[in-house]
Amino acid sequence: MEEIYESILNSYPYPIVFVDNDYIIKFMNKNAQYHYYEERGYENLIGKSLFDCHNNEKSIEKIKMGYESIKKTGKEVFVCVTTRNQRVYMQGVKDSQGKWIGFIERFELNLQI
């Protein structure tokens, strides 16, 4: 089943990154790997802190506040629109018992002009 789930996430045409409750990057789909490794120049992010990439105080605070908001409301959080006209969201992830296990950072085409 794990291979099926990974294949499904890899079929999504934009980056998806899963980050656990400790802000450790646990999964990146193939488009996220391309975005962060090839385009942005990072290496080996799986198992590292999200704050190795987002390492300024403003970004750290925004991410932490965003995840706290998700845990309180259950609603996704809009992060920004990229220079490539992609909208970035943080979306919470719960396990089968309803416990928060982290969030995904997901990109999508910005259709609003």
C-alpha atoms as a PDB file:
ATOM      1  CA  MET A   1       0.000   0.000   0.000  1.00  0.00           C
ATOM      2  CA  GLU A   2       2.851   2.396   0.736  1.00  0.00           C
ATOM      3  CA  GLU A   3       3.970   2.211  -2.898  1.00  0.00           C
ATOM      4  CA  ILE A   4       0.430   2.969  -4.049  1.00  0.00           C
ATOM      5  CA  TYR A   5       0.149   5.995  -1.743  1.00  0.00           C
ATOM      6  CA  GLU A   6       3.524   7.311  -2.871  1.00  0.00           C
ATOM      7  CA  SER A   7       2.533   6.822  -6.524  1.00  0.00           C
ATOM      8  CA  ILE A   8      -0.680   8.755  -5.938  1.00  0.00           C
ATOM      9  CA  LEU A   9       1.204  11.659  -4.337  1.00  0.00           C
ATOM     10  CA  ASN A  10       3.810  11.594  -7.115  1.00  0.00           C
ATOM     11  CA  SER A  11       1.055  11.909  -9.713  1.00  0.00           C
ATOM     12  CA  TYR A  12       0.050  15.300  -8.262  1.00  0.00           C
ATOM     13  CA  PRO A  13       1.597  17.846 -10.675  1.00  0.00           C
ATOM     14  CA  TYR A  14       2.859  20.223  -7.949  1.00  0.00           C
ATOM     15  CA  PRO A  15       5.082  19.920  -4.869  1.00  0.00           C
ATOM     16  CA  ILE A  16       3.786  18.213  -1.719  1.00  0.00           C
ATOM     17  CA  VAL A  17       5.913  18.030   1.442  1.00  0.00           C
ATOM     18  CA  PHE A  18       4.828  16.214   4.628  1.00  0.00           C
ATOM     19  CA  VAL A  19       6.194  17.613   7.918  1.00  0.00           C
ATOM     20  CA  ASP A  20       5.594  15.919  11.291  1.00  0.00           C
ATOM     21  CA  ASN A  21       4.660  17.519  14.629  1.00  0.00           C
ATOM     22  CA  ASP A  22       8.336  18.211  15.362  1.00  0.00           C
ATOM     23  CA  TYR A  23       8.704  20.073  12.045  1.00  0.00           C
ATOM     24  CA  ILE A  24      10.807  17.254  10.543  1.00  0.00           C
ATOM     25  CA  ILE A  25      10.403  16.667   6.797  1.00  0.00           C
ATOM     26  CA  LYS A  26       9.235  13.071   6.338  1.00  0.00           C
ATOM     27  CA  PHE A  27       8.117  12.950   2.695  1.00  0.00           C
ATOM     28  CA  MET A  28       8.484  14.908  -0.526  1.00  0.00           C
ATOM     29  CA  ASN A  29       6.747  13.932  -3.745  1.00  0.00           C
ATOM     30  CA  LYS A  30       8.820  13.942  -6.945  1.00  0.00           C
ATOM     31  CA  ASN A  31       7.745  17.502  -7.817  1.00  0.00           C
ATOM     32  CA  ALA A  32       8.784  18.759  -4.369  1.00  0.00           C
ATOM     33  CA  GLN A  33      12.139  17.016  -4.736  1.00  0.00           C
ATOM     34  CA  TYR A  34      12.659  18.696  -8.095  1.00  0.00           C
ATOM     35  CA  HIS A  35      11.585  22.092  -6.732  1.00  0.00           C
ATOM     36  CA  TYR A  36      13.753  22.015  -3.624  1.00  0.00           C
ATOM     37  CA  TYR A  37      16.751  20.024  -4.894  1.00  0.00           C
ATOM     38  CA  GLU A  38      17.106  21.079  -8.526  1.00  0.00           C
ATOM     39  CA  GLU A  39      15.602  24.555  -8.539  1.00  0.00           C
ATOM     40  CA  ARG A  40      16.374  25.768  -5.015  1.00  0.00           C
ATOM     41  CA  GLY A  41      19.692  23.920  -4.469  1.00  0.00           C
ATOM     42  CA  TYR A  42      18.894  22.083  -1.223  1.00  0.00           C
ATOM     43  CA  GLU A  43      20.129  18.536  -0.583  1.00  0.00           C
ATOM     44  CA  ASN A  44      18.809  15.595   1.404  1.00  0.00           C
ATOM     45  CA  LEU A  45      15.933  17.313   3.208  1.00  0.00           C
ATOM     46  CA  ILE A  46      14.147  14.115   4.284  1.00  0.00           C
ATOM     47  CA  GLY A  47      14.702  13.713   8.027  1.00  0.00           C
ATOM     48  CA  LYS A  48      15.811  17.314   8.496  1.00  0.00           C
ATOM     49  CA  SER A  49      14.040  20.190  10.182  1.00  0.00           C
ATOM     50  CA  LEU A  50      11.769  22.318   8.027  1.00  0.00           C
ATOM     51  CA  PHE A  51      13.581  25.233   9.598  1.00  0.00           C
ATOM     52  CA  ASP A  52      16.791  24.264   7.795  1.00  0.00           C
ATOM     53  CA  CYS A  53      15.039  25.724   4.718  1.00  0.00           C
ATOM     54  CA  HIS A  54      12.918  28.369   6.394  1.00  0.00           C
ATOM     55  CA  ASN A  55      15.509  29.693   8.798  1.00  0.00           C
ATOM     56  CA  ASN A  56      14.560  33.297   9.444  1.00  0.00           C
ATOM     57  CA  GLU A  57      12.472  34.283  12.457  1.00  0.00           C
ATOM     58  CA  LYS A  58       9.562  35.652  10.410  1.00  0.00           C
ATOM     59  CA  SER A  59       9.194  32.385   8.455  1.00  0.00           C
ATOM     60  CA  ILE A  60       9.553  30.216  11.557  1.00  0.00           C
ATOM     61  CA  GLU A  61       6.884  32.218  13.386  1.00  0.00           C
ATOM     62  CA  LYS A  62       4.528  32.124  10.379  1.00  0.00           C
ATOM     63  CA  ILE A  63       4.882  28.346  10.036  1.00  0.00           C
ATOM     64  CA  LYS A  64       4.372  27.676  13.735  1.00  0.00           C
ATOM     65  CA  MET A  65       1.377  30.018  13.919  1.00  0.00           C
ATOM     66  CA  GLY A  66      -0.064  28.414  10.788  1.00  0.00           C
ATOM     67  CA  TYR A  67       0.175  24.911  12.213  1.00  0.00           C
ATOM     68  CA  GLU A  68      -1.324  26.010  15.528  1.00  0.00           C
ATOM     69  CA  SER A  69      -4.227  27.572  13.613  1.00  0.00           C
ATOM     70  CA  ILE A  70      -4.740  24.333  11.679  1.00  0.00           C
ATOM     71  CA  LYS A  71      -4.832  22.319  14.908  1.00  0.00           C
ATOM     72  CA  LYS A  72      -7.412  24.701  16.422  1.00  0.00           C
ATOM     73  CA  THR A  73      -9.701  25.115  13.412  1.00  0.00           C
ATOM     74  CA  GLY A  74      -8.979  22.096  11.224  1.00  0.00           C
ATOM     75  CA  LYS A  75      -8.811  24.414   8.227  1.00  0.00           C
ATOM     76  CA  GLU A  76      -5.951  24.755   5.783  1.00  0.00           C
ATOM     77  CA  VAL A  77      -3.831  27.912   5.866  1.00  0.00           C
ATOM     78  CA  PHE A  78      -2.923  29.962   2.794  1.00  0.00           C
ATOM     79  CA  VAL A  79       0.813  30.754   2.830  1.00  0.00           C
ATOM     80  CA  CYS A  80       1.622  32.746  -0.324  1.00  0.00           C
ATOM     81  CA  VAL A  81       1.661  32.952  -4.110  1.00  0.00           C
ATOM     82  CA  THR A  82       5.043  32.029  -5.584  1.00  0.00           C
ATOM     83  CA  THR A  83       6.848  33.842  -8.386  1.00  0.00           C
ATOM     84  CA  ARG A  84       5.638  31.003 -10.642  1.00  0.00           C
ATOM     85  CA  ASN A  85       2.015  31.899  -9.855  1.00  0.00           C
ATOM     86  CA  GLN A  86       1.470  28.919  -7.589  1.00  0.00           C
ATOM     87  CA  ARG A  87      -0.537  29.164  -4.384  1.00  0.00           C
ATOM     88  CA  VAL A  88       1.042  27.484  -1.347  1.00  0.00           C
ATOM     89  CA  TYR A  89      -1.062  26.045   1.480  1.00  0.00           C
ATOM     90  CA  MET A  90      -0.421  24.265   4.754  1.00  0.00           C
ATOM     91  CA  GLN A  91      -2.958  21.486   5.300  1.00  0.00           C
ATOM     92  CA  GLY A  92      -3.195  19.431   8.511  1.00  0.00           C
ATOM     93  CA  VAL A  93      -2.920  15.646   8.568  1.00  0.00           C
ATOM     94  CA  LYS A  94      -4.507  13.383  11.188  1.00  0.00           C
ATOM     95  CA  ASP A  95      -3.954   9.687  11.816  1.00  0.00           C
ATOM     96  CA  SER A  96      -6.755   7.098  11.844  1.00  0.00           C
ATOM     97  CA  GLN A  97      -7.574   7.948  15.490  1.00  0.00           C
ATOM     98  CA  GLY A  98      -7.983  11.652  14.695  1.00  0.00           C
ATOM     99  CA  LYS A  99      -4.676  12.746  16.254  1.00  0.00           C
ATOM    100  CA  TRP A 100      -2.667  15.463  14.491  1.00  0.00           C
ATOM    101  CA  ILE A 101       0.525  13.956  13.053  1.00  0.00           C
ATOM    102  CA  GLY A 102       1.733  16.918  11.011  1.00  0.00           C
ATOM    103  CA  PHE A 103       0.883  18.894   7.916  1.00  0.00           C
ATOM    104  CA  ILE A 104       1.540  19.032   4.223  1.00  0.00           C
ATOM    105  CA  GLU A 105       2.834  22.011   2.338  1.00  0.00           C
ATOM    106  CA  ARG A 106       1.064  21.822  -1.002  1.00  0.00           C
ATOM    107  CA  PHE A 107       1.320  23.925  -4.119  1.00  0.00           C
ATOM    108  CA  GLU A 108      -1.342  24.456  -6.768  1.00  0.00           C
ATOM    109  CA  LEU A 109      -1.797  26.662  -9.814  1.00  0.00           C
ATOM    110  CA  ASN A 110      -3.107  30.099  -8.873  1.00  0.00           C
ATOM    111  CA  LEU A 111      -6.172  30.549 -11.050  1.00  0.00           C
ATOM    112  CA  GLN A 112      -7.030  33.919  -9.512  1.00  0.00           C
ATOM    113  CA  ILE A 113      -5.610  36.880 -11.383  1.00  0.00           C
END
